Amino acid sequence: GGPTIITSTTQVLLDVVDWKMDAQKAVIAPRIHDQWFPDVLGFEPSVPAATVKALERTGQKVKPVPMVGKVNVLVRTDKGIDAASEPRSPSGPAGF
């Protein structure tokens, strides 16, 4: 985690709140990370090529990275709790 914790958490939060994704879709969505230094935008392999090209056209220096953070999420809905565990993690979800 470290520097990618805020990036990853924010992207999952925005996916749920702004894009109305369910927990699983938000957790599996591709992520992008800008750490300020070095001045390079890291992107996961599943980020669409058109998105990467658009970022390059705006002058961004981009670099593929294997993964941007890990997030597990619980979302309160009208029907109860929607939960998702991080597929990027080498271990499986916690059991009950």
PDB file of N, CA and C in Angstrom:
ATOM      1  N   GLY A   1       0.695  -1.197   0.000  1.00  0.00           N
ATOM      2  CA  GLY A   1       0.000   0.000   0.000  1.00  0.00           C
ATOM      3  C   GLY A   1       0.745   1.283   0.000  1.00  0.00           C
ATOM      4  N   GLY A   2       1.078   1.783   1.163  1.00  0.00           N
ATOM      5  CA  GLY A   2       1.715   3.080   1.298  1.00  0.00           C
ATOM      6  C   GLY A   2       1.080   4.168   0.460  1.00  0.00           C
ATOM      7  N   PRO A   3       1.813   4.646  -0.539  1.00  0.00           N
ATOM      8  CA  PRO A   3       1.336   5.785  -1.327  1.00  0.00           C
ATOM      9  C   PRO A   3       0.076   5.505  -2.156  1.00  0.00           C
ATOM     10  N   THR A   4      -0.244   4.249  -2.382  1.00  0.00           N
ATOM     11  CA  THR A   4      -1.418   3.958  -3.221  1.00  0.00           C
ATOM     12  C   THR A   4      -2.712   3.772  -2.424  1.00  0.00           C
ATOM     13  N   ILE A   5      -2.631   3.817  -1.099  1.00  0.00           N
ATOM     14  CA  ILE A   5      -3.831   3.602  -0.283  1.00  0.00           C
ATOM     15  C   ILE A   5      -4.901   4.652  -0.582  1.00  0.00           C
ATOM     16  N   ILE A   6      -4.527   5.913  -0.550  1.00  0.00           N
ATOM     17  CA  ILE A   6      -5.507   6.982  -0.787  1.00  0.00           C
ATOM     18  C   ILE A   6      -6.035   6.913  -2.216  1.00  0.00           C
ATOM     19  N   THR A   7      -5.149   6.696  -3.176  1.00  0.00           N
ATOM     20  CA  THR A   7      -5.554   6.591  -4.579  1.00  0.00           C
ATOM     21  C   THR A   7      -6.571   5.472  -4.777  1.00  0.00           C
ATOM     22  N   SER A   8      -6.257   4.292  -4.279  1.00  0.00           N
ATOM     23  CA  SER A   8      -7.124   3.128  -4.465  1.00  0.00           C
ATOM     24  C   SER A   8      -8.466   3.303  -3.777  1.00  0.00           C
ATOM     25  N   THR A   9      -8.426   3.745  -2.529  1.00  0.00           N
ATOM     26  CA  THR A   9      -9.657   3.942  -1.769  1.00  0.00           C
ATOM     27  C   THR A   9     -10.548   4.991  -2.437  1.00  0.00           C
ATOM     28  N   THR A  10      -9.953   6.074  -2.876  1.00  0.00           N
ATOM     29  CA  THR A  10     -10.723   7.142  -3.523  1.00  0.00           C
ATOM     30  C   THR A  10     -11.370   6.655  -4.812  1.00  0.00           C
ATOM     31  N   GLN A  11     -10.639   5.899  -5.615  1.00  0.00           N
ATOM     32  CA  GLN A  11     -11.203   5.431  -6.872  1.00  0.00           C
ATOM     33  C   GLN A  11     -12.376   4.471  -6.652  1.00  0.00           C
ATOM     34  N   VAL A  12     -12.255   3.586  -5.648  1.00  0.00           N
ATOM     35  CA  VAL A  12     -13.367   2.678  -5.339  1.00  0.00           C
ATOM     36  C   VAL A  12     -14.558   3.481  -4.815  1.00  0.00           C
ATOM     37  N   LEU A  13     -14.311   4.444  -3.937  1.00  0.00           N
ATOM     38  CA  LEU A  13     -15.380   5.292  -3.409  1.00  0.00           C
ATOM     39  C   LEU A  13     -16.100   6.038  -4.534  1.00  0.00           C
ATOM     40  N   LEU A  14     -15.334   6.641  -5.439  1.00  0.00           N
ATOM     41  CA  LEU A  14     -15.942   7.366  -6.563  1.00  0.00           C
ATOM     42  C   LEU A  14     -16.728   6.427  -7.470  1.00  0.00           C
ATOM     43  N   ASP A  15     -16.219   5.215  -7.681  1.00  0.00           N
ATOM     44  CA  ASP A  15     -16.944   4.247  -8.507  1.00  0.00           C
ATOM     45  C   ASP A  15     -18.300   3.907  -7.901  1.00  0.00           C
ATOM     46  N   VAL A  16     -18.349   3.776  -6.580  1.00  0.00           N
ATOM     47  CA  VAL A  16     -19.613   3.446  -5.903  1.00  0.00           C
ATOM     48  C   VAL A  16     -20.545   4.653  -5.867  1.00  0.00           C
ATOM     49  N   VAL A  17     -20.027   5.796  -5.413  1.00  0.00           N
ATOM     50  CA  VAL A  17     -20.880   6.971  -5.188  1.00  0.00           C
ATOM     51  C   VAL A  17     -21.254   7.677  -6.492  1.00  0.00           C
ATOM     52  N   ASP A  18     -20.263   7.988  -7.316  1.00  0.00           N
ATOM     53  CA  ASP A  18     -20.533   8.766  -8.535  1.00  0.00           C
ATOM     54  C   ASP A  18     -20.979   7.922  -9.714  1.00  0.00           C
ATOM     55  N   TRP A  19     -20.381   6.747  -9.877  1.00  0.00           N
ATOM     56  CA  TRP A  19     -20.697   5.918 -11.041  1.00  0.00           C
ATOM     57  C   TRP A  19     -21.708   4.828 -10.737  1.00  0.00           C
ATOM     58  N   LYS A  20     -22.189   4.758  -9.482  1.00  0.00           N
ATOM     59  CA  LYS A  20     -23.250   3.832  -9.054  1.00  0.00           C
ATOM     60  C   LYS A  20     -22.910   2.363  -9.308  1.00  0.00           C
ATOM     61  N   MET A  21     -21.627   2.019  -9.184  1.00  0.00           N
ATOM     62  CA  MET A  21     -21.212   0.623  -9.342  1.00  0.00           C
ATOM     63  C   MET A  21     -21.517  -0.144  -8.061  1.00  0.00           C
ATOM     64  N   ASP A  22     -21.780  -1.448  -8.215  1.00  0.00           N
ATOM     65  CA  ASP A  22     -21.901  -2.262  -7.012  1.00  0.00           C
ATOM     66  C   ASP A  22     -20.494  -2.524  -6.476  1.00  0.00           C
ATOM     67  N   ALA A  23     -20.416  -3.101  -5.298  1.00  0.00           N
ATOM     68  CA  ALA A  23     -19.122  -3.282  -4.630  1.00  0.00           C
ATOM     69  C   ALA A  23     -18.131  -4.058  -5.494  1.00  0.00           C
ATOM     70  N   GLN A  24     -18.558  -5.163  -6.082  1.00  0.00           N
ATOM     71  CA  GLN A  24     -17.637  -5.990  -6.866  1.00  0.00           C
ATOM     72  C   GLN A  24     -17.115  -5.253  -8.098  1.00  0.00           C
ATOM     73  N   LYS A  25     -17.995  -4.581  -8.821  1.00  0.00           N
ATOM     74  CA  LYS A  25     -17.555  -3.840 -10.008  1.00  0.00           C
ATOM     75  C   LYS A  25     -16.581  -2.729  -9.637  1.00  0.00           C
ATOM     76  N   ALA A  26     -16.829  -2.066  -8.518  1.00  0.00           N
ATOM     77  CA  ALA A  26     -15.940  -0.987  -8.076  1.00  0.00           C
ATOM     78  C   ALA A  26     -14.563  -1.517  -7.706  1.00  0.00           C
ATOM     79  N   VAL A  27     -14.516  -2.666  -7.057  1.00  0.00           N
ATOM     80  CA  VAL A  27     -13.237  -3.230  -6.631  1.00  0.00           C
ATOM     81  C   VAL A  27     -12.429  -3.748  -7.818  1.00  0.00           C
ATOM     82  N   ILE A  28     -13.084  -4.308  -8.824  1.00  0.00           N
ATOM     83  CA  ILE A  28     -12.325  -4.857  -9.954  1.00  0.00           C
ATOM     84  C   ILE A  28     -12.003  -3.818 -11.026  1.00  0.00           C
ATOM     85  N   ALA A  29     -12.585  -2.631 -10.930  1.00  0.00           N
ATOM     86  CA  ALA A  29     -12.327  -1.593 -11.940  1.00  0.00           C
ATOM     87  C   ALA A  29     -10.841  -1.240 -11.990  1.00  0.00           C
ATOM     88  N   PRO A  30     -10.319  -0.976 -13.200  1.00  0.00           N
ATOM     89  CA  PRO A  30      -8.902  -0.618 -13.317  1.00  0.00           C
ATOM     90  C   PRO A  30      -8.590   0.702 -12.621  1.00  0.00           C
ATOM     91  N   ARG A  31      -7.355   0.819 -12.154  1.00  0.00           N
ATOM     92  CA  ARG A  31      -6.946   1.997 -11.388  1.00  0.00           C
ATOM     93  C   ARG A  31      -5.740   2.691 -12.009  1.00  0.00           C
ATOM     94  N   ILE A  32      -5.638   3.980 -11.703  1.00  0.00           N
ATOM     95  CA  ILE A  32      -4.534   4.834 -12.144  1.00  0.00           C
ATOM     96  C   ILE A  32      -3.967   5.496 -10.896  1.00  0.00           C
ATOM     97  N   HIS A  33      -2.655   5.698 -10.853  1.00  0.00           N
ATOM     98  CA  HIS A  33      -2.021   6.307  -9.675  1.00  0.00           C
ATOM     99  C   HIS A  33      -1.012   7.375 -10.083  1.00  0.00           C
ATOM    100  N   ASP A  34      -1.139   8.550  -9.493  1.00  0.00           N
ATOM    101  CA  ASP A  34      -0.173   9.637  -9.672  1.00  0.00           C
ATOM    102  C   ASP A  34       0.431   9.938  -8.313  1.00  0.00           C
ATOM    103  N   GLN A  35       1.732   9.751  -8.194  1.00  0.00           N
ATOM    104  CA  GLN A  35       2.388   9.919  -6.899  1.00  0.00           C
ATOM    105  C   GLN A  35       3.103  11.256  -6.775  1.00  0.00           C
ATOM    106  N   TRP A  36       3.034  12.127  -7.744  1.00  0.00           N
ATOM    107  CA  TRP A  36       3.694  13.428  -7.765  1.00  0.00           C
ATOM    108  C   TRP A  36       5.175  13.291  -8.092  1.00  0.00           C
ATOM    109  N   PHE A  37       5.908  12.463  -7.364  1.00  0.00           N
ATOM    110  CA  PHE A  37       7.309  12.252  -7.687  1.00  0.00           C
ATOM    111  C   PHE A  37       7.594  10.759  -7.619  1.00  0.00           C
ATOM    112  N   PRO A  38       8.084  10.166  -8.686  1.00  0.00           N
ATOM    113  CA  PRO A  38       8.439  10.810  -9.946  1.00  0.00           C
ATOM    114  C   PRO A  38       7.190  11.228 -10.725  1.00  0.00           C
ATOM    115  N   ASP A  39       7.372  12.133 -11.643  1.00  0.00           N
ATOM    116  CA  ASP A  39       6.261  12.686 -12.415  1.00  0.00           C
ATOM    117  C   ASP A  39       5.807  11.707 -13.504  1.00  0.00           C
ATOM    118  N   VAL A  40       5.238  10.585 -13.058  1.00  0.00           N
ATOM    119  CA  VAL A  40       4.775   9.535 -13.960  1.00  0.00           C
ATOM    120  C   VAL A  40       3.432   9.033 -13.446  1.00  0.00           C
ATOM    121  N   LEU A  41       2.509   8.828 -14.368  1.00  0.00           N
ATOM    122  CA  LEU A  41       1.185   8.307 -14.043  1.00  0.00           C
ATOM    123  C   LEU A  41       1.208   6.793 -14.257  1.00  0.00           C
ATOM    124  N   GLY A  42       1.044   6.019 -13.193  1.00  0.00           N
ATOM    125  CA  GLY A  42       1.009   4.562 -13.315  1.00  0.00           C
ATOM    126  C   GLY A  42      -0.396   4.094 -13.625  1.00  0.00           C
ATOM    127  N   PHE A  43      -0.505   3.112 -14.513  1.00  0.00           N
ATOM    128  CA  PHE A  43      -1.827   2.572 -14.849  1.00  0.00           C
ATOM    129  C   PHE A  43      -1.775   1.052 -14.898  1.00  0.00           C
ATOM    130  N   GLU A  44      -2.858   0.434 -14.442  1.00  0.00           N
ATOM    131  CA  GLU A  44      -2.958  -1.021 -14.469  1.00  0.00           C
ATOM    132  C   GLU A  44      -3.186  -1.504 -15.904  1.00  0.00           C
ATOM    133  N   PRO A  45      -2.800  -2.758 -16.197  1.00  0.00           N
ATOM    134  CA  PRO A  45      -2.927  -3.281 -17.561  1.00  0.00           C
ATOM    135  C   PRO A  45      -4.356  -3.254 -18.113  1.00  0.00           C
ATOM    136  N   SER A  46      -5.353  -3.296 -17.242  1.00  0.00           N
ATOM    137  CA  SER A  46      -6.739  -3.324 -17.713  1.00  0.00           C
ATOM    138  C   SER A  46      -7.312  -1.938 -18.030  1.00  0.00           C
ATOM    139  N   VAL A  47      -6.527  -0.873 -17.833  1.00  0.00           N
ATOM    140  CA  VAL A  47      -6.980   0.461 -18.243  1.00  0.00           C
ATOM    141  C   VAL A  47      -7.045   0.455 -19.772  1.00  0.00           C
ATOM    142  N   PRO A  48      -8.177   0.875 -20.354  1.00  0.00           N
ATOM    143  CA  PRO A  48      -8.310   0.839 -21.810  1.00  0.00           C
ATOM    144  C   PRO A  48      -7.218   1.637 -22.525  1.00  0.00           C
ATOM    145  N   ALA A  49      -6.732   1.095 -23.637  1.00  0.00           N
ATOM    146  CA  ALA A  49      -5.675   1.750 -24.421  1.00  0.00           C
ATOM    147  C   ALA A  49      -6.081   3.157 -24.835  1.00  0.00           C
ATOM    148  N   ALA A  50      -7.357   3.352 -25.151  1.00  0.00           N
ATOM    149  CA  ALA A  50      -7.830   4.689 -25.549  1.00  0.00           C
ATOM    150  C   ALA A  50      -7.664   5.690 -24.406  1.00  0.00           C
ATOM    151  N   THR A  51      -7.856   5.233 -23.184  1.00  0.00           N
ATOM    152  CA  THR A  51      -7.674   6.104 -22.017  1.00  0.00           C
ATOM    153  C   THR A  51      -6.202   6.479 -21.860  1.00  0.00           C
ATOM    154  N   VAL A  52      -5.330   5.498 -22.024  1.00  0.00           N
ATOM    155  CA  VAL A  52      -3.887   5.753 -21.910  1.00  0.00           C
ATOM    156  C   VAL A  52      -3.452   6.753 -22.987  1.00  0.00           C
ATOM    157  N   LYS A  53      -3.917   6.555 -24.223  1.00  0.00           N
ATOM    158  CA  LYS A  53      -3.569   7.477 -25.323  1.00  0.00           C
ATOM    159  C   LYS A  53      -4.088   8.888 -25.029  1.00  0.00           C
ATOM    160  N   ALA A  54      -5.297   8.985 -24.483  1.00  0.00           N
ATOM    161  CA  ALA A  54      -5.859  10.302 -24.153  1.00  0.00           C
ATOM    162  C   ALA A  54      -5.020  10.995 -23.085  1.00  0.00           C
ATOM    163  N   LEU A  55      -4.544  10.247 -22.102  1.00  0.00           N
ATOM    164  CA  LEU A  55      -3.683  10.814 -21.064  1.00  0.00           C
ATOM    165  C   LEU A  55      -2.366  11.305 -21.670  1.00  0.00           C
ATOM    166  N   GLU A  56      -1.812  10.513 -22.583  1.00  0.00           N
ATOM    167  CA  GLU A  56      -0.562  10.910 -23.245  1.00  0.00           C
ATOM    168  C   GLU A  56      -0.754  12.187 -24.066  1.00  0.00           C
ATOM    169  N   ARG A  57      -1.907  12.303 -24.709  1.00  0.00           N
ATOM    170  CA  ARG A  57      -2.187  13.509 -25.515  1.00  0.00           C
ATOM    171  C   ARG A  57      -2.254  14.767 -24.651  1.00  0.00           C
ATOM    172  N   THR A  58      -2.585  14.608 -23.375  1.00  0.00           N
ATOM    173  CA  THR A  58      -2.632  15.778 -22.491  1.00  0.00           C
ATOM    174  C   THR A  58      -1.264  16.101 -21.894  1.00  0.00           C
ATOM    175  N   GLY A  59      -0.246  15.326 -22.298  1.00  0.00           N
ATOM    176  CA  GLY A  59       1.100  15.587 -21.819  1.00  0.00           C
ATOM    177  C   GLY A  59       1.532  14.739 -20.628  1.00  0.00           C
ATOM    178  N   GLN A  60       0.672  13.816 -20.201  1.00  0.00           N
ATOM    179  CA  GLN A  60       1.029  12.944 -19.073  1.00  0.00           C
ATOM    180  C   GLN A  60       2.097  11.945 -19.493  1.00  0.00           C
ATOM    181  N   LYS A  61       3.048  11.706 -18.608  1.00  0.00           N
ATOM    182  CA  LYS A  61       4.006  10.616 -18.784  1.00  0.00           C
ATOM    183  C   LYS A  61       3.373   9.402 -18.121  1.00  0.00           C
ATOM    184  N   VAL A  62       3.163   8.352 -18.878  1.00  0.00           N
ATOM    185  CA  VAL A  62       2.471   7.179 -18.351  1.00  0.00           C
ATOM    186  C   VAL A  62       3.381   5.963 -18.333  1.00  0.00           C
ATOM    187  N   LYS A  63       3.081   5.063 -17.401  1.00  0.00           N
ATOM    188  CA  LYS A  63       3.876   3.847 -17.250  1.00  0.00           C
ATOM    189  C   LYS A  63       2.960   2.731 -16.762  1.00  0.00           C
ATOM    190  N   PRO A  64       2.981   1.574 -17.420  1.00  0.00           N
ATOM    191  CA  PRO A  64       2.175   0.458 -16.900  1.00  0.00           C
ATOM    192  C   PRO A  64       2.763  -0.057 -15.587  1.00  0.00           C
ATOM    193  N   VAL A  65       1.888  -0.359 -14.661  1.00  0.00           N
ATOM    194  CA  VAL A  65       2.285  -0.964 -13.385  1.00  0.00           C
ATOM    195  C   VAL A  65       1.410  -2.198 -13.173  1.00  0.00           C
ATOM    196  N   PRO A  66       1.911  -3.216 -12.508  1.00  0.00           N
ATOM    197  CA  PRO A  66       1.115  -4.435 -12.358  1.00  0.00           C
ATOM    198  C   PRO A  66      -0.153  -4.257 -11.528  1.00  0.00           C
ATOM    199  N   MET A  67      -0.096  -3.342 -10.539  1.00  0.00           N
ATOM    200  CA  MET A  67      -1.244  -3.188  -9.633  1.00  0.00           C
ATOM    201  C   MET A  67      -1.145  -1.848  -8.916  1.00  0.00           C
ATOM    202  N   VAL A  68      -2.305  -1.236  -8.683  1.00  0.00           N
ATOM    203  CA  VAL A  68      -2.378   0.001  -7.890  1.00  0.00           C
ATOM    204  C   VAL A  68      -3.226  -0.292  -6.659  1.00  0.00           C
ATOM    205  N   GLY A  69      -2.598  -0.680  -5.584  1.00  0.00           N
ATOM    206  CA  GLY A  69      -3.281  -0.858  -4.305  1.00  0.00           C
ATOM    207  C   GLY A  69      -4.276  -1.990  -4.244  1.00  0.00           C
ATOM    208  N   LYS A  70      -4.725  -2.241  -3.022  1.00  0.00           N
ATOM    209  CA  LYS A  70      -5.724  -3.279  -2.749  1.00  0.00           C
ATOM    210  C   LYS A  70      -6.806  -2.684  -1.863  1.00  0.00           C
ATOM    211  N   VAL A  71      -8.059  -2.983  -2.185  1.00  0.00           N
ATOM    212  CA  VAL A  71      -9.187  -2.444  -1.430  1.00  0.00           C
ATOM    213  C   VAL A  71     -10.229  -3.540  -1.232  1.00  0.00           C
ATOM    214  N   ASN A  72     -10.714  -3.678  -0.019  1.00  0.00           N
ATOM    215  CA  ASN A  72     -11.906  -4.479   0.263  1.00  0.00           C
ATOM    216  C   ASN A  72     -12.985  -3.486   0.634  1.00  0.00           C
ATOM    217  N   VAL A  73     -14.222  -3.765   0.269  1.00  0.00           N
ATOM    218  CA  VAL A  73     -15.254  -2.743   0.470  1.00  0.00           C
ATOM    219  C   VAL A  73     -16.566  -3.336   0.972  1.00  0.00           C
ATOM    220  N   LEU A  74     -17.217  -2.558   1.827  1.00  0.00           N
ATOM    221  CA  LEU A  74     -18.591  -2.819   2.263  1.00  0.00           C
ATOM    222  C   LEU A  74     -19.405  -1.594   1.887  1.00  0.00           C
ATOM    223  N   VAL A  75     -20.533  -1.826   1.228  1.00  0.00           N
ATOM    224  CA  VAL A  75     -21.400  -0.724   0.816  1.00  0.00           C
ATOM    225  C   VAL A  75     -22.784  -0.966   1.410  1.00  0.00           C
ATOM    226  N   ARG A  76     -23.285   0.015   2.157  1.00  0.00           N
ATOM    227  CA  ARG A  76     -24.629  -0.094   2.700  1.00  0.00           C
ATOM    228  C   ARG A  76     -25.619   0.277   1.602  1.00  0.00           C
ATOM    229  N   THR A  77     -26.576  -0.599   1.340  1.00  0.00           N
ATOM    230  CA  THR A  77     -27.602  -0.354   0.324  1.00  0.00           C
ATOM    231  C   THR A  77     -28.979  -0.462   0.971  1.00  0.00           C
ATOM    232  N   ASP A  78     -29.999  -0.163   0.210  1.00  0.00           N
ATOM    233  CA  ASP A  78     -31.370  -0.312   0.710  1.00  0.00           C
ATOM    234  C   ASP A  78     -31.700  -1.769   1.021  1.00  0.00           C
ATOM    235  N   LYS A  79     -30.984  -2.691   0.384  1.00  0.00           N
ATOM    236  CA  LYS A  79     -31.239  -4.123   0.559  1.00  0.00           C
ATOM    237  C   LYS A  79     -30.347  -4.763   1.615  1.00  0.00           C
ATOM    238  N   GLY A  80     -29.381  -4.005   2.162  1.00  0.00           N
ATOM    239  CA  GLY A  80     -28.459  -4.548   3.152  1.00  0.00           C
ATOM    240  C   GLY A  80     -27.036  -4.141   2.850  1.00  0.00           C
ATOM    241  N   ILE A  81     -26.119  -5.068   3.070  1.00  0.00           N
ATOM    242  CA  ILE A  81     -24.697  -4.796   2.862  1.00  0.00           C
ATOM    243  C   ILE A  81     -24.224  -5.512   1.596  1.00  0.00           C
ATOM    244  N   ASP A  82     -23.566  -4.763   0.720  1.00  0.00           N
ATOM    245  CA  ASP A  82     -22.938  -5.305  -0.487  1.00  0.00           C
ATOM    246  C   ASP A  82     -21.443  -5.308  -0.211  1.00  0.00           C
ATOM    247  N   ALA A  83     -20.794  -6.460  -0.327  1.00  0.00           N
ATOM    248  CA  ALA A  83     -19.378  -6.578   0.012  1.00  0.00           C
ATOM    249  C   ALA A  83     -18.587  -7.151  -1.152  1.00  0.00           C
ATOM    250  N   ALA A  84     -17.307  -6.767  -1.225  1.00  0.00           N
ATOM    251  CA  ALA A  84     -16.412  -7.322  -2.243  1.00  0.00           C
ATOM    252  C   ALA A  84     -14.995  -7.370  -1.702  1.00  0.00           C
ATOM    253  N   SER A  85     -14.285  -8.448  -2.030  1.00  0.00           N
ATOM    254  CA  SER A  85     -12.883  -8.552  -1.642  1.00  0.00           C
ATOM    255  C   SER A  85     -12.010  -8.321  -2.871  1.00  0.00           C
ATOM    256  N   GLU A  86     -10.812  -7.901  -2.625  1.00  0.00           N
ATOM    257  CA  GLU A  86      -9.865  -7.499  -3.656  1.00  0.00           C
ATOM    258  C   GLU A  86      -9.333  -8.689  -4.447  1.00  0.00           C
ATOM    259  N   PRO A  87      -9.620  -8.745  -5.749  1.00  0.00           N
ATOM    260  CA  PRO A  87      -9.081  -9.854  -6.552  1.00  0.00           C
ATOM    261  C   PRO A  87      -7.575  -9.711  -6.817  1.00  0.00           C
ATOM    262  N   ARG A  88      -6.998  -8.527  -6.601  1.00  0.00           N
ATOM    263  CA  ARG A  88      -5.569  -8.327  -6.830  1.00  0.00           C
ATOM    264  C   ARG A  88      -4.718  -8.957  -5.725  1.00  0.00           C
ATOM    265  N   SER A  89      -5.355  -9.313  -4.621  1.00  0.00           N
ATOM    266  CA  SER A  89      -4.650  -9.875  -3.475  1.00  0.00           C
ATOM    267  C   SER A  89      -4.346 -11.357  -3.730  1.00  0.00           C
ATOM    268  N   PRO A  90      -3.147 -11.802  -3.373  1.00  0.00           N
ATOM    269  CA  PRO A  90      -2.815 -13.218  -3.595  1.00  0.00           C
ATOM    270  C   PRO A  90      -3.593 -14.167  -2.686  1.00  0.00           C
ATOM    271  N   SER A  91      -4.111 -13.668  -1.567  1.00  0.00           N
ATOM    272  CA  SER A  91      -4.895 -14.520  -0.678  1.00  0.00           C
ATOM    273  C   SER A  91      -6.378 -14.344  -1.005  1.00  0.00           C
ATOM    274  N   GLY A  92      -7.171 -15.267  -0.570  1.00  0.00           N
ATOM    275  CA  GLY A  92      -8.615 -15.189  -0.811  1.00  0.00           C
ATOM    276  C   GLY A  92      -9.305 -14.350   0.240  1.00  0.00           C
ATOM    277  N   PRO A  93     -10.619 -14.210   0.093  1.00  0.00           N
ATOM    278  CA  PRO A  93     -11.380 -13.437   1.082  1.00  0.00           C
ATOM    279  C   PRO A  93     -11.406 -14.152   2.428  1.00  0.00           C
ATOM    280  N   ALA A  94     -11.582 -13.366   3.472  1.00  0.00           N
ATOM    281  CA  ALA A  94     -11.664 -13.932   4.814  1.00  0.00           C
ATOM    282  C   ALA A  94     -12.939 -14.745   4.960  1.00  0.00           C
ATOM    283  N   GLY A  95     -12.851 -15.839   5.667  1.00  0.00           N
ATOM    284  CA  GLY A  95     -14.013 -16.690   5.903  1.00  0.00           C
ATOM    285  C   GLY A  95     -14.720 -16.297   7.183  1.00  0.00           C
ATOM    286  N   PHE A  96     -15.951 -16.723   7.326  1.00  0.00           N
ATOM    287  CA  PHE A  96     -16.718 -16.460   8.543  1.00  0.00           C
ATOM    288  C   PHE A  96     -16.913 -17.724   9.320  1.00  0.00           C
TER     289      PHE A  96
END
